[in-house]
Amino acid sequence: MPDDILVILDEAYTEFASKDPSFPNGLDYDYDNLIVTRTLSKSYGLAGLRIGFAAGPEKIISELYKVKLPFEPNYAAQKAAVAALDDGEFLKRTLEVNEKSLKRMTGRFDKIGIEYVKTHANFLLLLMPSEKFAESFNEECLNSGLILRHVKPFGIPDGIRINSSTEDETEFALEVIEKAYLKLLQDNPVEK
């Protein structure tokens, strides 16, 4: 990468991915044109507070302060972030719950026949037989009280995103997903 190009390495899911020894840690790199960004919204559970950080050369970070809104992040978010970073037990439990949920989901999806993309994050990308099937599936799940994300706007028209969750929430999601998927397959056998 040329030195005059700014590289931003988004490590929003780094705590989840760090279990994989091949996953790089952006903070290990020291380049004059590299910024590493991380959020506390995923593994630390602070999504509503919109807090994270950027690490990089002082000259670039000082430029970021020029466009930073005043009083952001707010005091409550700052205090919560410091407390979260000091709570290693919470992070450990979060990673364990995530791993258990993903394992449970992939096991059921394998059984049902739903394709998915392997992950190092806190969600799975489900691949439906077609865009139309994905739209119907998403709507069917929503009608049963399960909110998923159809990722067509991200260039994956047949994709559905589901986040990991607690044991009870994962079981609820799997029941809704299995029922919706099998119903749609039965109604549209040519889709598969």
Protein backbone atom coordinates (compact mmCIF):
# COMPACT_ATOMS: atom_id res chain seq x y z
CA MET A 1 0.00 0.00 0.00
CA PRO A 2 1.44 3.40 -0.92
CA ASP A 3 2.40 5.58 2.06
CA ASP A 4 0.00 8.34 1.00
CA ILE A 5 -3.06 6.07 1.26
CA LEU A 6 -4.78 5.89 4.65
CA VAL A 7 -5.57 2.33 5.71
CA ILE A 8 -8.36 1.83 8.24
CA LEU A 9 -8.46 -1.62 9.77
CA ASP A 10 -11.91 -2.20 11.32
CA GLU A 11 -11.56 -4.75 14.11
CA ALA A 12 -15.12 -4.64 15.45
CA TYR A 13 -15.14 -8.43 15.97
CA THR A 14 -11.56 -8.90 17.11
CA GLU A 15 -12.40 -10.42 20.50
CA PHE A 16 -14.46 -13.12 18.80
CA ALA A 17 -11.88 -13.76 16.08
CA SER A 18 -8.83 -13.75 18.33
CA LYS A 19 -9.41 -17.42 19.17
CA ASP A 20 -8.18 -18.23 15.66
CA PRO A 21 -4.34 -18.14 15.76
CA SER A 22 -4.19 -17.01 12.13
CA PHE A 23 -6.23 -13.88 12.87
CA PRO A 24 -3.94 -10.82 12.92
CA ASN A 25 -4.01 -8.19 15.65
CA GLY A 26 -3.97 -4.76 14.03
CA LEU A 27 -2.41 -3.23 17.14
CA ASP A 28 0.74 -5.23 16.38
CA TYR A 29 1.32 -3.18 13.20
CA ASP A 30 3.15 0.14 13.22
CA TYR A 31 2.64 2.06 9.99
CA ASP A 32 2.41 5.81 9.48
CA ASN A 33 -0.74 5.37 7.36
CA LEU A 34 -2.63 2.80 9.48
CA ILE A 35 -5.52 3.36 11.89
CA VAL A 36 -7.06 0.45 13.79
CA THR A 37 -10.63 0.93 14.97
CA ARG A 38 -12.44 -1.14 17.58
CA THR A 39 -15.85 -0.95 19.17
CA LEU A 40 -17.17 -1.96 22.56
CA SER A 41 -20.64 -2.53 21.13
CA LYS A 42 -20.16 -6.17 20.13
CA SER A 43 -18.32 -8.27 22.69
CA TYR A 44 -18.63 -5.77 25.53
CA GLY A 45 -22.38 -5.26 25.08
CA LEU A 46 -22.30 -1.46 24.83
CA ALA A 47 -24.08 -1.08 21.47
CA GLY A 48 -26.48 1.60 22.69
CA LEU A 49 -23.65 3.78 23.96
CA ARG A 50 -21.81 3.98 20.64
CA ILE A 51 -18.30 3.88 22.00
CA GLY A 52 -15.06 2.56 20.65
CA PHE A 53 -11.58 3.74 19.89
CA ALA A 54 -9.03 4.27 17.16
CA ALA A 55 -5.31 3.60 17.45
CA GLY A 56 -2.73 4.97 15.08
CA PRO A 57 -0.04 7.58 14.56
CA GLU A 58 -0.49 10.73 16.62
CA LYS A 59 -0.58 12.96 13.53
CA ILE A 60 -3.59 11.07 12.12
CA ILE A 61 -5.42 10.76 15.43
CA SER A 62 -5.04 14.52 16.01
CA GLU A 63 -6.74 15.10 12.63
CA LEU A 64 -9.67 12.95 13.77
CA TYR A 65 -10.21 15.26 16.73
CA LYS A 66 -10.87 18.09 14.27
CA VAL A 67 -14.01 16.37 12.99
CA LYS A 68 -15.12 14.82 16.29
CA LEU A 69 -18.43 16.12 17.56
CA PRO A 70 -18.25 17.99 20.88
CA PHE A 71 -19.04 16.03 24.04
CA GLU A 72 -18.77 12.66 22.28
CA PRO A 73 -18.63 10.11 23.62
CA ASN A 74 -20.74 11.19 26.55
CA TYR A 75 -19.65 10.74 30.14
CA ALA A 76 -21.86 7.70 30.79
CA ALA A 77 -20.43 5.93 27.74
CA GLN A 78 -16.88 6.70 28.85
CA LYS A 79 -17.50 5.36 32.35
CA ALA A 80 -19.19 2.24 30.97
CA ALA A 81 -16.30 1.65 28.56
CA VAL A 82 -13.70 1.84 31.31
CA ALA A 83 -15.75 -0.53 33.48
CA ALA A 84 -16.25 -2.94 30.56
CA LEU A 85 -12.56 -3.02 29.71
CA ASP A 86 -11.82 -3.87 33.35
CA ASP A 87 -14.39 -6.70 33.43
CA GLY A 88 -12.52 -9.66 31.96
CA GLU A 89 -15.03 -12.12 33.41
CA PHE A 90 -17.90 -10.54 31.44
CA LEU A 91 -15.91 -10.73 28.22
CA LYS A 92 -15.02 -14.35 28.91
CA ARG A 93 -18.69 -15.25 29.50
CA THR A 94 -19.75 -13.36 26.37
CA LEU A 95 -17.27 -15.28 24.23
CA GLU A 96 -18.39 -18.60 25.77
CA VAL A 97 -22.10 -17.82 25.18
CA ASN A 98 -21.29 -16.79 21.61
CA GLU A 99 -19.38 -19.98 20.88
CA LYS A 100 -22.10 -22.16 22.39
CA SER A 101 -24.85 -20.36 20.47
CA LEU A 102 -23.01 -20.55 17.14
CA LYS A 103 -22.25 -24.24 17.65
CA ARG A 104 -25.89 -24.94 18.44
CA MET A 105 -27.07 -22.98 15.41
CA THR A 106 -24.63 -24.55 12.94
CA GLY A 107 -25.53 -28.02 14.22
CA ARG A 108 -29.23 -27.39 13.62
CA PHE A 109 -28.62 -25.69 10.27
CA ASP A 110 -26.56 -28.69 9.14
CA LYS A 111 -29.45 -30.96 10.15
CA ILE A 112 -32.08 -28.83 8.39
CA GLY A 113 -29.92 -28.24 5.33
CA ILE A 114 -29.50 -24.47 5.61
CA GLU A 115 -26.23 -23.29 4.12
CA TYR A 116 -24.18 -20.74 6.06
CA VAL A 117 -20.82 -19.04 5.97
CA LYS A 118 -18.40 -20.04 8.73
CA THR A 119 -17.70 -17.16 11.06
CA HIS A 120 -15.27 -15.66 13.53
CA ALA A 121 -17.80 -13.12 14.77
CA ASN A 122 -21.05 -13.13 16.74
CA PHE A 123 -23.35 -13.85 13.83
CA LEU A 124 -23.88 -16.25 10.96
CA LEU A 125 -24.67 -15.48 7.36
CA LEU A 126 -27.34 -17.90 6.16
CA LEU A 127 -27.54 -18.52 2.43
CA MET A 128 -31.05 -19.12 1.17
CA PRO A 129 -31.88 -20.85 -2.13
CA SER A 130 -32.75 -17.53 -3.81
CA GLU A 131 -33.41 -13.85 -3.20
CA LYS A 132 -37.16 -14.43 -3.28
CA PHE A 133 -36.82 -17.26 -0.78
CA ALA A 134 -34.69 -15.03 1.49
CA GLU A 135 -37.32 -12.28 1.40
CA SER A 136 -40.12 -14.72 2.22
CA PHE A 137 -38.04 -16.41 4.91
CA ASN A 138 -37.19 -13.09 6.57
CA GLU A 139 -40.86 -12.07 6.54
CA GLU A 140 -41.99 -15.47 7.86
CA CYS A 141 -39.53 -15.20 10.76
CA LEU A 142 -40.56 -11.62 11.50
CA ASN A 143 -44.22 -12.68 11.62
CA SER A 144 -43.22 -15.23 14.26
CA GLY A 145 -41.41 -12.63 16.38
CA LEU A 146 -37.84 -13.22 15.19
CA ILE A 147 -35.97 -10.24 13.78
CA LEU A 148 -33.24 -11.20 11.31
CA ARG A 149 -31.46 -9.08 8.72
CA HIS A 150 -31.88 -9.65 5.01
CA VAL A 151 -28.48 -8.53 3.72
CA LYS A 152 -29.50 -7.70 0.16
CA PRO A 153 -28.43 -4.05 0.69
CA PHE A 154 -24.92 -5.39 1.36
CA GLY A 155 -24.80 -7.19 -1.99
CA ILE A 156 -25.94 -10.63 -0.81
CA PRO A 157 -29.52 -10.93 -2.06
CA ASP A 158 -29.92 -14.52 -0.86
CA GLY A 159 -28.31 -13.83 2.54
CA ILE A 160 -29.84 -13.59 6.00
CA ARG A 161 -27.86 -12.57 9.08
CA ILE A 162 -28.58 -13.99 12.52
CA ASN A 163 -26.75 -12.99 15.69
CA SER A 164 -25.73 -15.38 18.43
CA SER A 165 -27.60 -15.08 21.71
CA THR A 166 -28.47 -16.65 25.02
CA GLU A 167 -29.51 -20.29 25.24
CA ASP A 168 -33.25 -19.52 25.44
CA GLU A 169 -33.15 -16.93 22.66
CA THR A 170 -31.09 -19.25 20.44
CA GLU A 171 -33.60 -22.07 20.94
CA PHE A 172 -36.50 -19.74 20.12
CA ALA A 173 -34.71 -18.56 16.98
CA LEU A 174 -33.94 -22.10 15.86
CA GLU A 175 -37.54 -23.20 16.30
CA VAL A 176 -38.81 -20.25 14.26
CA ILE A 177 -36.13 -20.69 11.59
CA GLU A 178 -36.71 -24.41 11.17
CA LYS A 179 -40.47 -23.99 10.92
CA ALA A 180 -40.21 -21.11 8.43
CA TYR A 181 -37.53 -22.75 6.29
CA LEU A 182 -39.28 -26.11 6.04
CA LYS A 183 -42.65 -24.44 5.34
CA LEU A 184 -41.15 -22.39 2.52
CA LEU A 185 -39.38 -25.42 1.07
CA GLN A 186 -42.65 -27.32 1.11
CA ASP A 187 -44.52 -24.43 -0.51
CA ASN A 188 -41.75 -23.88 -3.09
CA PRO A 189 -40.03 -27.22 -3.70
CA VAL A 190 -38.32 -25.95 -6.86
CA GLU A 191 -36.55 -23.25 -4.80
CA LYS A 192 -34.16 -25.81 -3.28
